N, C-alpha and C. Protein backbone atom coordinates (compact mmCIF):
# COMPACT_ATOMS: atom_id res chain seq x y z
N MET A 1 145.80 52.16 -148.56
CA MET A 1 144.87 53.04 -149.29
C MET A 1 144.59 54.28 -148.46
N ARG A 2 144.66 55.44 -149.09
CA ARG A 2 144.41 56.68 -148.35
C ARG A 2 142.93 56.82 -148.03
N SER A 3 142.66 57.43 -146.86
CA SER A 3 141.27 57.64 -146.47
C SER A 3 140.67 58.78 -147.29
N LEU A 4 139.34 58.79 -147.39
CA LEU A 4 138.65 59.82 -148.16
C LEU A 4 138.90 61.21 -147.61
N PRO A 5 138.86 61.44 -146.25
CA PRO A 5 139.15 62.78 -145.73
C PRO A 5 140.53 63.27 -146.10
N LEU A 6 141.53 62.36 -146.08
CA LEU A 6 142.90 62.76 -146.42
C LEU A 6 142.98 63.15 -147.89
N LEU A 7 142.35 62.35 -148.76
CA LEU A 7 142.35 62.67 -150.19
C LEU A 7 141.64 63.99 -150.46
N THR A 8 140.56 64.24 -149.72
CA THR A 8 139.83 65.50 -149.88
C THR A 8 140.69 66.68 -149.48
N ALA A 9 141.41 66.54 -148.35
CA ALA A 9 142.27 67.62 -147.87
C ALA A 9 143.37 67.91 -148.88
N ILE A 10 143.98 66.83 -149.43
CA ILE A 10 145.04 67.01 -150.42
C ILE A 10 144.51 67.69 -151.66
N THR A 11 143.32 67.29 -152.09
CA THR A 11 142.72 67.89 -153.29
C THR A 11 142.43 69.37 -153.08
N LEU A 12 141.85 69.72 -151.94
CA LEU A 12 141.53 71.12 -151.66
C LEU A 12 142.79 71.97 -151.59
N THR A 13 143.84 71.42 -150.97
CA THR A 13 145.11 72.14 -150.89
C THR A 13 145.69 72.37 -152.27
N SER A 14 145.60 71.36 -153.12
CA SER A 14 146.13 71.48 -154.49
C SER A 14 145.37 72.53 -155.27
N ILE A 15 144.04 72.55 -155.11
CA ILE A 15 143.22 73.54 -155.81
C ILE A 15 143.58 74.95 -155.34
N ALA A 16 143.74 75.11 -154.01
CA ALA A 16 144.08 76.43 -153.46
C ALA A 16 145.41 76.91 -154.00
N ALA A 17 146.40 75.98 -154.03
CA ALA A 17 147.72 76.36 -154.53
C ALA A 17 147.67 76.76 -155.99
N ALA A 18 146.83 76.07 -156.78
CA ALA A 18 146.73 76.37 -158.21
C ALA A 18 146.13 77.75 -158.46
N GLN A 19 145.32 78.23 -157.52
CA GLN A 19 144.65 79.52 -157.69
C GLN A 19 145.51 80.68 -157.24
N VAL A 20 146.59 80.42 -156.54
CA VAL A 20 147.46 81.47 -156.04
C VAL A 20 148.64 81.62 -156.99
N PRO A 21 148.92 82.85 -157.48
CA PRO A 21 150.00 83.03 -158.44
C PRO A 21 151.37 82.78 -157.83
N ALA A 22 152.36 82.53 -158.69
CA ALA A 22 153.73 82.30 -158.23
C ALA A 22 154.34 83.57 -157.68
N SER A 23 153.89 84.71 -158.18
CA SER A 23 154.37 86.00 -157.66
C SER A 23 153.33 87.06 -157.98
N VAL A 24 153.41 88.16 -157.28
CA VAL A 24 152.49 89.27 -157.51
C VAL A 24 153.24 90.57 -157.23
N THR A 25 152.98 91.59 -158.04
CA THR A 25 153.65 92.88 -157.90
C THR A 25 152.62 94.00 -157.95
N GLY A 26 152.77 94.98 -157.08
CA GLY A 26 151.87 96.12 -157.09
C GLY A 26 152.01 96.94 -155.81
N ILE A 27 151.21 97.98 -155.71
CA ILE A 27 151.18 98.80 -154.50
C ILE A 27 150.21 98.15 -153.52
N PRO A 28 150.69 97.76 -152.33
CA PRO A 28 149.86 96.98 -151.41
C PRO A 28 149.03 97.81 -150.45
N THR A 29 148.08 97.14 -149.87
CA THR A 29 147.42 97.64 -148.67
C THR A 29 147.83 96.69 -147.54
N VAL A 30 147.79 97.18 -146.32
CA VAL A 30 148.25 96.40 -145.16
C VAL A 30 147.05 95.94 -144.34
N THR A 31 146.98 94.64 -144.10
CA THR A 31 145.92 94.07 -143.25
C THR A 31 146.34 94.09 -141.79
N ASP A 32 147.54 93.60 -141.54
CA ASP A 32 148.13 93.69 -140.20
C ASP A 32 149.64 93.61 -140.35
N GLY A 33 150.35 93.38 -139.24
CA GLY A 33 151.80 93.49 -139.28
C GLY A 33 152.53 92.45 -140.10
N ASP A 34 151.84 91.42 -140.57
CA ASP A 34 152.51 90.43 -141.41
C ASP A 34 151.66 89.98 -142.60
N THR A 35 150.70 90.82 -142.98
CA THR A 35 149.81 90.45 -144.08
C THR A 35 149.55 91.65 -144.99
N LEU A 36 149.73 91.42 -146.29
CA LEU A 36 149.51 92.43 -147.32
C LEU A 36 148.45 91.95 -148.31
N VAL A 37 147.87 92.90 -149.01
CA VAL A 37 147.00 92.57 -150.14
C VAL A 37 147.50 93.34 -151.35
N ILE A 38 147.82 92.60 -152.42
CA ILE A 38 148.30 93.21 -153.66
C ILE A 38 147.44 92.72 -154.81
N ARG A 39 146.74 93.65 -155.46
CA ARG A 39 145.89 93.32 -156.61
C ARG A 39 144.94 92.17 -156.29
N GLY A 40 144.37 92.24 -155.10
CA GLY A 40 143.39 91.24 -154.68
C GLY A 40 143.96 89.96 -154.13
N VAL A 41 145.28 89.82 -154.12
CA VAL A 41 145.93 88.61 -153.59
C VAL A 41 146.39 88.89 -152.15
N LYS A 42 145.88 88.12 -151.22
CA LYS A 42 146.31 88.28 -149.82
C LYS A 42 147.60 87.51 -149.62
N VAL A 43 148.60 88.19 -149.07
CA VAL A 43 149.93 87.60 -148.88
C VAL A 43 150.28 87.58 -147.40
N ARG A 44 150.48 86.39 -146.87
CA ARG A 44 150.96 86.22 -145.49
C ARG A 44 152.47 86.08 -145.57
N LEU A 45 153.21 86.96 -144.89
CA LEU A 45 154.66 86.97 -144.97
C LEU A 45 155.25 85.69 -144.39
N HIS A 46 156.08 85.05 -145.17
CA HIS A 46 156.62 83.74 -144.81
C HIS A 46 157.64 83.82 -143.67
N GLY A 47 157.55 82.86 -142.74
CA GLY A 47 158.57 82.68 -141.73
C GLY A 47 158.53 83.65 -140.56
N ILE A 48 157.54 84.54 -140.52
CA ILE A 48 157.48 85.51 -139.42
C ILE A 48 156.06 85.56 -138.86
N ASP A 49 155.93 86.08 -137.66
CA ASP A 49 154.63 86.25 -137.02
C ASP A 49 154.65 87.55 -136.24
N ALA A 50 153.82 88.50 -136.63
CA ALA A 50 153.74 89.80 -135.97
C ALA A 50 152.60 89.80 -134.96
N PRO A 51 152.63 90.70 -133.98
CA PRO A 51 151.51 90.81 -133.05
C PRO A 51 150.21 91.01 -133.80
N GLU A 52 149.14 90.42 -133.31
CA GLU A 52 147.85 90.53 -133.96
C GLU A 52 147.28 91.94 -133.84
N SER A 53 146.39 92.28 -134.76
CA SER A 53 145.88 93.66 -134.83
C SER A 53 145.21 94.10 -133.53
N SER A 54 144.63 93.16 -132.80
CA SER A 54 143.95 93.50 -131.54
C SER A 54 144.84 93.32 -130.32
N GLN A 55 146.10 92.96 -130.53
CA GLN A 55 146.96 92.57 -129.41
C GLN A 55 147.56 93.77 -128.68
N GLN A 56 147.60 93.67 -127.36
CA GLN A 56 148.20 94.68 -126.50
C GLN A 56 149.49 94.12 -125.90
N CYS A 57 150.51 94.96 -125.75
CA CYS A 57 151.76 94.59 -125.11
C CYS A 57 152.06 95.63 -124.02
N LEU A 58 153.13 95.43 -123.29
CA LEU A 58 153.52 96.36 -122.24
C LEU A 58 154.85 97.02 -122.56
N ARG A 59 154.92 98.34 -122.32
CA ARG A 59 156.16 99.09 -122.52
C ARG A 59 156.21 100.18 -121.46
N ALA A 60 157.30 100.20 -120.70
CA ALA A 60 157.45 101.15 -119.60
C ALA A 60 156.25 101.08 -118.65
N GLY A 61 155.76 99.85 -118.44
CA GLY A 61 154.66 99.64 -117.50
C GLY A 61 153.30 100.01 -118.03
N GLN A 62 153.22 100.45 -119.30
CA GLN A 62 151.95 100.87 -119.88
C GLN A 62 151.54 99.94 -121.02
N SER A 63 150.24 99.66 -121.09
CA SER A 63 149.72 98.83 -122.17
C SER A 63 149.62 99.67 -123.45
N TYR A 64 149.98 99.08 -124.58
CA TYR A 64 149.86 99.79 -125.86
C TYR A 64 149.51 98.79 -126.96
N GLY A 65 149.00 99.29 -128.05
CA GLY A 65 148.58 98.44 -129.16
C GLY A 65 149.77 98.02 -130.02
N CYS A 66 150.47 96.98 -129.59
CA CYS A 66 151.65 96.54 -130.35
C CYS A 66 151.26 96.00 -131.72
N GLY A 67 150.07 95.41 -131.82
CA GLY A 67 149.61 94.93 -133.12
C GLY A 67 149.40 96.07 -134.10
N ARG A 68 148.83 97.16 -133.60
CA ARG A 68 148.63 98.34 -134.46
C ARG A 68 149.97 98.96 -134.84
N GLU A 69 150.90 99.04 -133.89
CA GLU A 69 152.20 99.65 -134.19
C GLU A 69 152.97 98.83 -135.22
N ALA A 70 152.85 97.49 -135.14
CA ALA A 70 153.51 96.64 -136.13
C ALA A 70 152.91 96.89 -137.51
N ALA A 71 151.59 97.01 -137.57
CA ALA A 71 150.94 97.28 -138.85
C ALA A 71 151.31 98.66 -139.39
N PHE A 72 151.40 99.66 -138.50
CA PHE A 72 151.79 101.00 -138.93
C PHE A 72 153.22 101.00 -139.47
N ALA A 73 154.12 100.25 -138.82
CA ALA A 73 155.51 100.19 -139.28
C ALA A 73 155.58 99.60 -140.69
N LEU A 74 154.80 98.54 -140.92
CA LEU A 74 154.77 97.92 -142.24
C LEU A 74 154.16 98.88 -143.26
N ALA A 75 153.07 99.56 -142.87
CA ALA A 75 152.42 100.50 -143.78
C ALA A 75 153.36 101.65 -144.17
N ASP A 76 154.12 102.15 -143.20
CA ASP A 76 155.07 103.23 -143.50
C ASP A 76 156.15 102.76 -144.47
N LEU A 77 156.58 101.50 -144.33
CA LEU A 77 157.64 100.98 -145.20
C LEU A 77 157.18 100.87 -146.65
N VAL A 78 155.93 100.46 -146.86
CA VAL A 78 155.48 100.16 -148.24
C VAL A 78 154.57 101.23 -148.84
N ARG A 79 154.29 102.30 -148.10
CA ARG A 79 153.31 103.28 -148.57
C ARG A 79 153.67 103.83 -149.95
N ASN A 80 152.71 103.68 -150.88
CA ASN A 80 152.84 104.19 -152.26
C ASN A 80 154.06 103.64 -153.00
N LYS A 81 154.53 102.46 -152.59
CA LYS A 81 155.69 101.85 -153.23
C LYS A 81 155.28 100.51 -153.87
N THR A 82 156.02 100.13 -154.88
CA THR A 82 155.76 98.85 -155.55
C THR A 82 156.44 97.72 -154.78
N VAL A 83 155.65 96.72 -154.45
CA VAL A 83 156.12 95.56 -153.70
C VAL A 83 155.97 94.31 -154.56
N THR A 84 156.98 93.45 -154.50
CA THR A 84 156.91 92.16 -155.20
C THR A 84 156.96 91.04 -154.18
N CYS A 85 156.02 90.12 -154.26
CA CYS A 85 155.98 88.97 -153.35
C CYS A 85 156.09 87.69 -154.17
N THR A 86 156.95 86.80 -153.72
CA THR A 86 157.15 85.51 -154.37
C THR A 86 156.63 84.40 -153.48
N ARG A 87 155.79 83.56 -154.05
CA ARG A 87 155.14 82.51 -153.24
C ARG A 87 156.13 81.44 -152.82
N LYS A 88 156.07 81.11 -151.51
CA LYS A 88 156.81 79.98 -150.96
C LYS A 88 155.86 78.82 -150.69
N ASP A 89 154.59 79.17 -150.43
CA ASP A 89 153.62 78.15 -150.05
C ASP A 89 152.23 78.77 -150.15
N THR A 90 151.21 77.95 -149.94
CA THR A 90 149.84 78.42 -149.82
C THR A 90 149.28 77.86 -148.52
N ASP A 91 148.73 78.71 -147.65
CA ASP A 91 148.28 78.18 -146.37
C ASP A 91 146.85 77.66 -146.46
N ARG A 92 146.37 77.12 -145.34
CA ARG A 92 145.06 76.47 -145.33
C ARG A 92 143.91 77.45 -145.50
N TYR A 93 144.21 78.75 -145.38
CA TYR A 93 143.18 79.76 -145.59
C TYR A 93 143.17 80.27 -147.03
N GLY A 94 144.00 79.66 -147.89
CA GLY A 94 144.05 80.04 -149.30
C GLY A 94 144.89 81.25 -149.59
N ARG A 95 145.72 81.68 -148.63
CA ARG A 95 146.56 82.85 -148.84
C ARG A 95 147.92 82.44 -149.40
N MET A 96 148.49 83.33 -150.22
CA MET A 96 149.87 83.15 -150.60
C MET A 96 150.73 83.35 -149.36
N VAL A 97 151.70 82.47 -149.15
CA VAL A 97 152.70 82.65 -148.10
C VAL A 97 153.98 82.98 -148.84
N GLY A 98 154.47 84.21 -148.70
CA GLY A 98 155.57 84.63 -149.56
C GLY A 98 156.63 85.49 -148.91
N VAL A 99 157.69 85.67 -149.65
CA VAL A 99 158.76 86.59 -149.28
C VAL A 99 158.59 87.82 -150.16
N CYS A 100 158.52 89.00 -149.53
CA CYS A 100 158.22 90.23 -150.27
C CYS A 100 159.39 91.22 -150.17
N THR A 101 159.54 91.99 -151.22
CA THR A 101 160.60 92.99 -151.25
C THR A 101 160.05 94.33 -151.70
N VAL A 102 160.68 95.40 -151.22
CA VAL A 102 160.34 96.75 -151.65
C VAL A 102 161.65 97.52 -151.76
N GLY A 103 161.94 98.03 -152.94
CA GLY A 103 163.16 98.81 -153.14
C GLY A 103 164.43 98.10 -152.72
N GLY A 104 164.50 96.79 -152.92
CA GLY A 104 165.70 96.04 -152.56
C GLY A 104 165.73 95.57 -151.11
N THR A 105 164.72 95.92 -150.32
CA THR A 105 164.65 95.50 -148.91
C THR A 105 163.69 94.33 -148.77
N GLU A 106 164.15 93.25 -148.14
CA GLU A 106 163.24 92.14 -147.87
C GLU A 106 162.36 92.51 -146.68
N ILE A 107 161.08 92.58 -146.90
CA ILE A 107 160.14 93.04 -145.88
C ILE A 107 160.10 92.09 -144.68
N ASN A 108 160.08 90.79 -144.94
CA ASN A 108 160.01 89.81 -143.86
C ASN A 108 161.14 90.04 -142.86
N ARG A 109 162.36 90.12 -143.38
CA ARG A 109 163.54 90.29 -142.52
C ARG A 109 163.53 91.66 -141.84
N TRP A 110 163.10 92.68 -142.55
CA TRP A 110 163.08 94.04 -142.00
C TRP A 110 162.18 94.10 -140.77
N LEU A 111 161.01 93.47 -140.83
CA LEU A 111 160.09 93.49 -139.70
C LEU A 111 160.70 92.82 -138.47
N VAL A 112 161.42 91.72 -138.69
CA VAL A 112 162.08 91.05 -137.57
C VAL A 112 163.21 91.92 -137.02
N THR A 113 163.97 92.53 -137.92
CA THR A 113 165.10 93.38 -137.52
C THR A 113 164.62 94.56 -136.68
N GLN A 114 163.44 95.09 -137.00
CA GLN A 114 162.89 96.23 -136.27
C GLN A 114 162.14 95.82 -135.00
N GLY A 115 162.04 94.51 -134.76
CA GLY A 115 161.35 94.04 -133.56
C GLY A 115 159.84 94.03 -133.66
N TRP A 116 159.31 94.12 -134.88
CA TRP A 116 157.85 94.12 -135.06
C TRP A 116 157.30 92.78 -135.51
N ALA A 117 158.16 91.79 -135.64
CA ALA A 117 157.72 90.43 -135.93
C ALA A 117 158.73 89.46 -135.32
N LEU A 118 158.27 88.25 -135.05
CA LEU A 118 159.11 87.21 -134.48
C LEU A 118 159.35 86.12 -135.52
N PRO A 119 160.46 85.43 -135.44
CA PRO A 119 160.65 84.29 -136.34
C PRO A 119 159.59 83.22 -136.04
N TYR A 120 158.90 82.76 -137.06
CA TYR A 120 157.88 81.73 -136.89
C TYR A 120 158.58 80.39 -137.15
N LEU A 121 159.24 79.86 -136.13
CA LEU A 121 160.13 78.72 -136.28
C LEU A 121 159.41 77.49 -136.84
N GLU A 122 158.14 77.36 -136.52
CA GLU A 122 157.37 76.21 -137.00
C GLU A 122 157.19 76.25 -138.52
N TYR A 123 157.34 77.45 -139.10
CA TYR A 123 157.09 77.60 -140.53
C TYR A 123 158.28 78.29 -141.22
N GLY A 124 159.46 77.76 -140.99
CA GLY A 124 160.63 78.21 -141.73
C GLY A 124 161.26 79.50 -141.25
N GLY A 125 160.94 79.95 -140.05
CA GLY A 125 161.44 81.23 -139.58
C GLY A 125 162.84 81.20 -138.99
N GLY A 126 163.48 80.03 -138.98
CA GLY A 126 164.81 79.94 -138.41
C GLY A 126 165.82 80.84 -139.08
N VAL A 127 165.59 81.19 -140.35
CA VAL A 127 166.53 82.06 -141.08
C VAL A 127 166.54 83.47 -140.50
N TYR A 128 165.56 83.80 -139.66
CA TYR A 128 165.47 85.14 -139.08
C TYR A 128 165.90 85.17 -137.61
N SER A 129 166.43 84.06 -137.10
CA SER A 129 166.77 83.99 -135.67
C SER A 129 167.84 85.00 -135.27
N VAL A 130 168.85 85.18 -136.12
CA VAL A 130 169.92 86.13 -135.80
C VAL A 130 169.38 87.56 -135.78
N ALA A 131 168.53 87.88 -136.76
CA ALA A 131 167.92 89.21 -136.81
C ALA A 131 167.08 89.48 -135.57
N ALA A 132 166.38 88.45 -135.10
CA ALA A 132 165.56 88.61 -133.90
C ALA A 132 166.43 88.83 -132.67
N ALA A 133 167.54 88.11 -132.58
CA ALA A 133 168.45 88.28 -131.44
C ALA A 133 169.02 89.69 -131.40
N GLN A 134 169.31 90.24 -132.57
CA GLN A 134 169.83 91.61 -132.64
C GLN A 134 168.77 92.62 -132.23
N ALA A 135 167.53 92.40 -132.66
CA ALA A 135 166.44 93.30 -132.28
C ALA A 135 166.19 93.25 -130.78
N LYS A 136 166.26 92.05 -130.22
CA LYS A 136 166.06 91.89 -128.77
C LYS A 136 167.16 92.59 -128.01
N SER A 137 168.41 92.43 -128.46
CA SER A 137 169.55 93.06 -127.78
C SER A 137 169.44 94.58 -127.81
N ALA A 138 168.89 95.10 -128.92
CA ALA A 138 168.76 96.56 -129.06
C ALA A 138 167.46 97.10 -128.46
N GLY A 139 166.59 96.21 -127.98
CA GLY A 139 165.33 96.65 -127.38
C GLY A 139 164.39 97.30 -128.37
N LYS A 140 164.38 96.79 -129.59
CA LYS A 140 163.52 97.38 -130.62
C LYS A 140 162.13 96.77 -130.61
N GLY A 141 161.14 97.55 -131.06
CA GLY A 141 159.79 97.05 -131.22
C GLY A 141 159.23 96.45 -129.95
N VAL A 142 158.69 95.24 -130.07
CA VAL A 142 158.08 94.61 -128.89
C VAL A 142 159.10 94.29 -127.82
N TYR A 143 160.38 94.22 -128.19
CA TYR A 143 161.42 93.91 -127.21
C TYR A 143 161.70 95.08 -126.28
N ALA A 144 161.06 96.21 -126.50
CA ALA A 144 161.20 97.34 -125.59
C ALA A 144 160.40 97.11 -124.30
N GLY A 145 159.63 96.06 -124.28
CA GLY A 145 158.83 95.74 -123.09
C GLY A 145 158.54 94.26 -123.03
N THR A 146 157.34 93.90 -122.60
CA THR A 146 156.96 92.50 -122.52
C THR A 146 155.78 92.25 -123.44
N PHE A 147 155.68 91.00 -123.94
CA PHE A 147 154.64 90.68 -124.90
C PHE A 147 154.36 89.18 -124.88
N GLN A 148 153.24 88.83 -125.44
CA GLN A 148 152.88 87.42 -125.60
C GLN A 148 153.15 87.03 -127.04
N ASN A 149 153.67 85.84 -127.28
CA ASN A 149 153.89 85.39 -128.64
C ASN A 149 152.56 85.40 -129.41
N PRO A 150 152.55 85.92 -130.63
CA PRO A 150 151.29 85.99 -131.39
C PRO A 150 150.58 84.65 -131.52
N TRP A 151 151.35 83.56 -131.70
CA TRP A 151 150.70 82.25 -131.86
C TRP A 151 150.02 81.80 -130.59
N ASP A 152 150.54 82.23 -129.43
CA ASP A 152 149.86 81.92 -128.17
C ASP A 152 148.63 82.81 -127.99
N TYR A 153 148.75 84.07 -128.41
CA TYR A 153 147.62 85.00 -128.32
C TYR A 153 146.42 84.47 -129.10
N ARG A 154 146.67 83.94 -130.29
CA ARG A 154 145.56 83.46 -131.14
C ARG A 154 144.85 82.26 -130.54
N LYS A 155 145.55 81.49 -129.71
CA LYS A 155 144.96 80.27 -129.16
C LYS A 155 143.91 80.56 -128.10
N ASN A 156 143.95 81.76 -127.52
CA ASN A 156 143.06 82.08 -126.40
C ASN A 156 141.76 82.69 -126.93
N PRO A 157 140.64 81.97 -126.85
CA PRO A 157 139.37 82.49 -127.37
C PRO A 157 138.86 83.70 -126.60
N ALA A 158 139.44 84.00 -125.43
CA ALA A 158 139.03 85.17 -124.66
C ALA A 158 139.57 86.46 -125.25
N ASN A 159 140.60 86.36 -126.10
CA ASN A 159 141.19 87.56 -126.69
C ASN A 159 140.30 88.09 -127.81
N PRO A 160 140.33 89.40 -128.05
CA PRO A 160 139.51 89.98 -129.11
C PRO A 160 139.87 89.42 -130.48
N ALA A 161 138.92 89.53 -131.40
CA ALA A 161 139.15 89.05 -132.76
C ALA A 161 140.28 89.84 -133.40
N THR A 162 140.90 89.25 -134.41
CA THR A 162 142.04 89.87 -135.08
C THR A 162 141.78 89.97 -136.58
N ALA A 163 142.44 90.94 -137.21
CA ALA A 163 142.29 91.11 -138.65
C ALA A 163 143.24 90.23 -139.44
N GLY A 164 144.21 89.60 -138.75
CA GLY A 164 145.23 88.84 -139.46
C GLY A 164 144.93 87.35 -139.51
N THR A 165 145.87 86.53 -139.06
CA THR A 165 145.70 85.08 -139.12
C THR A 165 144.54 84.65 -138.23
N PRO A 166 143.56 83.92 -138.77
CA PRO A 166 142.43 83.46 -137.95
C PRO A 166 142.90 82.54 -136.84
N ARG A 167 142.05 82.42 -135.82
CA ARG A 167 142.35 81.46 -134.77
C ARG A 167 142.26 80.05 -135.35
N PRO A 168 142.88 79.07 -134.68
CA PRO A 168 142.76 77.69 -135.15
C PRO A 168 141.29 77.29 -135.26
N ALA A 169 141.00 76.40 -136.21
CA ALA A 169 139.62 75.98 -136.44
C ALA A 169 139.01 75.37 -135.19
N THR A 170 139.83 74.70 -134.39
CA THR A 170 139.33 74.16 -133.13
C THR A 170 140.05 74.84 -131.98
N PRO A 171 139.55 76.01 -131.56
CA PRO A 171 140.25 76.76 -130.52
C PRO A 171 140.30 76.03 -129.20
N ALA A 172 141.30 76.37 -128.42
CA ALA A 172 141.42 75.77 -127.09
C ALA A 172 140.23 76.19 -126.25
N PRO A 173 139.71 75.28 -125.43
CA PRO A 173 138.55 75.62 -124.60
C PRO A 173 138.91 76.71 -123.60
N ALA A 174 137.93 77.56 -123.31
CA ALA A 174 138.16 78.63 -122.34
C ALA A 174 138.35 78.02 -120.96
N PRO A 175 139.24 78.60 -120.16
CA PRO A 175 139.46 78.07 -118.82
C PRO A 175 138.18 78.15 -117.98
N ALA A 176 138.05 77.23 -117.05
CA ALA A 176 136.87 77.23 -116.18
C ALA A 176 136.82 78.52 -115.39
N SER A 177 135.59 78.99 -115.11
CA SER A 177 135.42 80.28 -114.45
C SER A 177 135.87 80.25 -113.00
N ASN A 178 136.00 79.04 -112.42
CA ASN A 178 136.40 78.95 -111.01
C ASN A 178 137.90 78.71 -110.85
N VAL A 179 138.69 78.97 -111.89
CA VAL A 179 140.13 78.78 -111.80
C VAL A 179 140.70 79.73 -110.75
N SER A 180 141.63 79.22 -109.95
CA SER A 180 142.27 80.05 -108.94
C SER A 180 143.74 79.66 -108.86
N TYR A 181 144.61 80.68 -108.85
CA TYR A 181 146.04 80.44 -108.76
C TYR A 181 146.57 81.04 -107.46
N ARG A 182 147.43 80.31 -106.79
CA ARG A 182 148.00 80.81 -105.54
C ARG A 182 149.16 81.77 -105.79
N ASN A 183 149.86 81.57 -106.89
CA ASN A 183 151.02 82.41 -107.19
C ASN A 183 151.32 82.35 -108.68
N CYS A 184 152.31 83.14 -109.11
CA CYS A 184 152.64 83.21 -110.53
C CYS A 184 153.28 81.94 -111.05
N SER A 185 153.91 81.18 -110.17
CA SER A 185 154.48 79.90 -110.60
C SER A 185 153.39 78.98 -111.12
N GLU A 186 152.24 78.98 -110.44
CA GLU A 186 151.12 78.15 -110.89
C GLU A 186 150.54 78.69 -112.20
N VAL A 187 150.50 80.01 -112.35
CA VAL A 187 150.00 80.61 -113.59
C VAL A 187 150.87 80.19 -114.77
N ARG A 188 152.19 80.28 -114.58
CA ARG A 188 153.12 79.94 -115.66
C ARG A 188 153.07 78.45 -115.98
N ALA A 189 152.94 77.63 -114.94
CA ALA A 189 152.87 76.18 -115.14
C ALA A 189 151.63 75.80 -115.95
N ALA A 190 150.57 76.60 -115.81
CA ALA A 190 149.34 76.34 -116.56
C ALA A 190 149.36 76.96 -117.94
N GLY A 191 150.45 77.67 -118.27
CA GLY A 191 150.55 78.30 -119.58
C GLY A 191 149.65 79.51 -119.73
N ALA A 192 149.26 80.14 -118.61
CA ALA A 192 148.30 81.25 -118.66
C ALA A 192 148.96 82.61 -118.51
N ALA A 193 150.29 82.65 -118.34
CA ALA A 193 150.97 83.94 -118.15
C ALA A 193 151.25 84.61 -119.49
N PRO A 194 151.15 85.95 -119.57
CA PRO A 194 150.62 86.83 -118.53
C PRO A 194 149.10 86.71 -118.45
N ILE A 195 148.56 86.97 -117.28
CA ILE A 195 147.11 86.86 -117.08
C ILE A 195 146.54 88.26 -116.86
N ARG A 196 145.47 88.58 -117.59
CA ARG A 196 144.94 89.94 -117.59
C ARG A 196 143.64 90.06 -116.80
N ARG A 197 143.40 91.27 -116.31
CA ARG A 197 142.17 91.54 -115.56
C ARG A 197 140.97 91.13 -116.40
N GLY A 198 140.06 90.37 -115.82
CA GLY A 198 138.88 89.91 -116.54
C GLY A 198 139.00 88.47 -117.01
N GLN A 199 140.24 87.95 -117.09
CA GLN A 199 140.43 86.57 -117.48
C GLN A 199 140.28 85.66 -116.26
N PRO A 200 139.79 84.43 -116.47
CA PRO A 200 139.63 83.50 -115.33
C PRO A 200 140.95 83.29 -114.61
N GLY A 201 140.90 83.39 -113.28
CA GLY A 201 142.08 83.17 -112.46
C GLY A 201 142.83 84.44 -112.09
N TYR A 202 142.49 85.57 -112.73
CA TYR A 202 143.18 86.83 -112.40
C TYR A 202 142.79 87.26 -110.98
N SER A 203 143.79 87.77 -110.26
CA SER A 203 143.51 88.38 -108.95
C SER A 203 144.56 89.44 -108.70
N SER A 204 144.24 90.39 -107.84
CA SER A 204 145.15 91.51 -107.57
C SER A 204 146.46 91.04 -106.95
N LYS A 205 146.45 89.90 -106.26
CA LYS A 205 147.69 89.41 -105.64
C LYS A 205 148.72 88.98 -106.68
N LEU A 206 148.23 88.70 -107.91
CA LEU A 206 149.14 88.32 -109.00
C LEU A 206 149.61 89.53 -109.80
N ASP A 207 149.03 90.68 -109.50
CA ASP A 207 149.29 91.91 -110.28
C ASP A 207 149.87 92.96 -109.35
N ARG A 208 151.14 92.83 -109.04
CA ARG A 208 151.76 93.68 -108.02
C ARG A 208 151.81 95.15 -108.38
N ASP A 209 151.95 95.46 -109.67
CA ASP A 209 152.02 96.87 -110.05
C ASP A 209 150.65 97.46 -110.41
N GLY A 210 149.61 96.64 -110.33
CA GLY A 210 148.25 97.12 -110.53
C GLY A 210 147.95 97.63 -111.92
N ASP A 211 148.66 97.09 -112.94
CA ASP A 211 148.44 97.60 -114.30
C ASP A 211 147.44 96.77 -115.08
N GLY A 212 146.82 95.80 -114.40
CA GLY A 212 145.82 94.96 -115.07
C GLY A 212 146.39 93.72 -115.71
N VAL A 213 147.70 93.54 -115.61
CA VAL A 213 148.36 92.36 -116.18
C VAL A 213 149.19 91.70 -115.09
N GLY A 214 148.85 90.48 -114.73
CA GLY A 214 149.58 89.77 -113.70
C GLY A 214 150.59 88.80 -114.26
N CYS A 215 151.63 88.55 -113.49
CA CYS A 215 152.67 87.56 -113.84
C CYS A 215 153.31 87.86 -115.19
N GLU A 216 153.67 89.17 -115.43
CA GLU A 216 154.33 89.52 -116.69
C GLU A 216 155.69 88.83 -116.75
């Protein structure tokens, strides 16, 4: 016999799916690098994950808003154009998870090809692995420098809030304030790399180029 919490979760998921249309067409607005809103329907692009709106990356040794640049790239692609999104799923936040096209171009794949999104392998992104490898080889988008995977960025409660995918309902606990690392090997082993100025465990000895980001 199924437990009551499981039945409740299944029921809520079914209701959410029933409220999300099979497809939607219109001129979109952009929430972040992998999220659109069309006629009031929020669409999370299936199989990809773009840097979060508040996320910073490194390029030529300088920090820049890679989340904003990903969103700008998407906005430039769809500006004043009709976009069609077809639902593949409905996520736990009640959003359509879909594949979208504009003028014959699949938006999901285009973002990966340009280096502004990564394949979200946990959610069907394997179809974009070749496109990602090509973007990495060409040094496009985030591959022009160093970056943290968006899904890892969201797990850290110390990072600023984002306009896109919410953090997990039960975020990982913040590291203890007395954390100390002897070297970058220890930072990486703890899953804390890269470590930024102001985060627990950061020290100048881990940040050789003094750019505020250690163990890149």
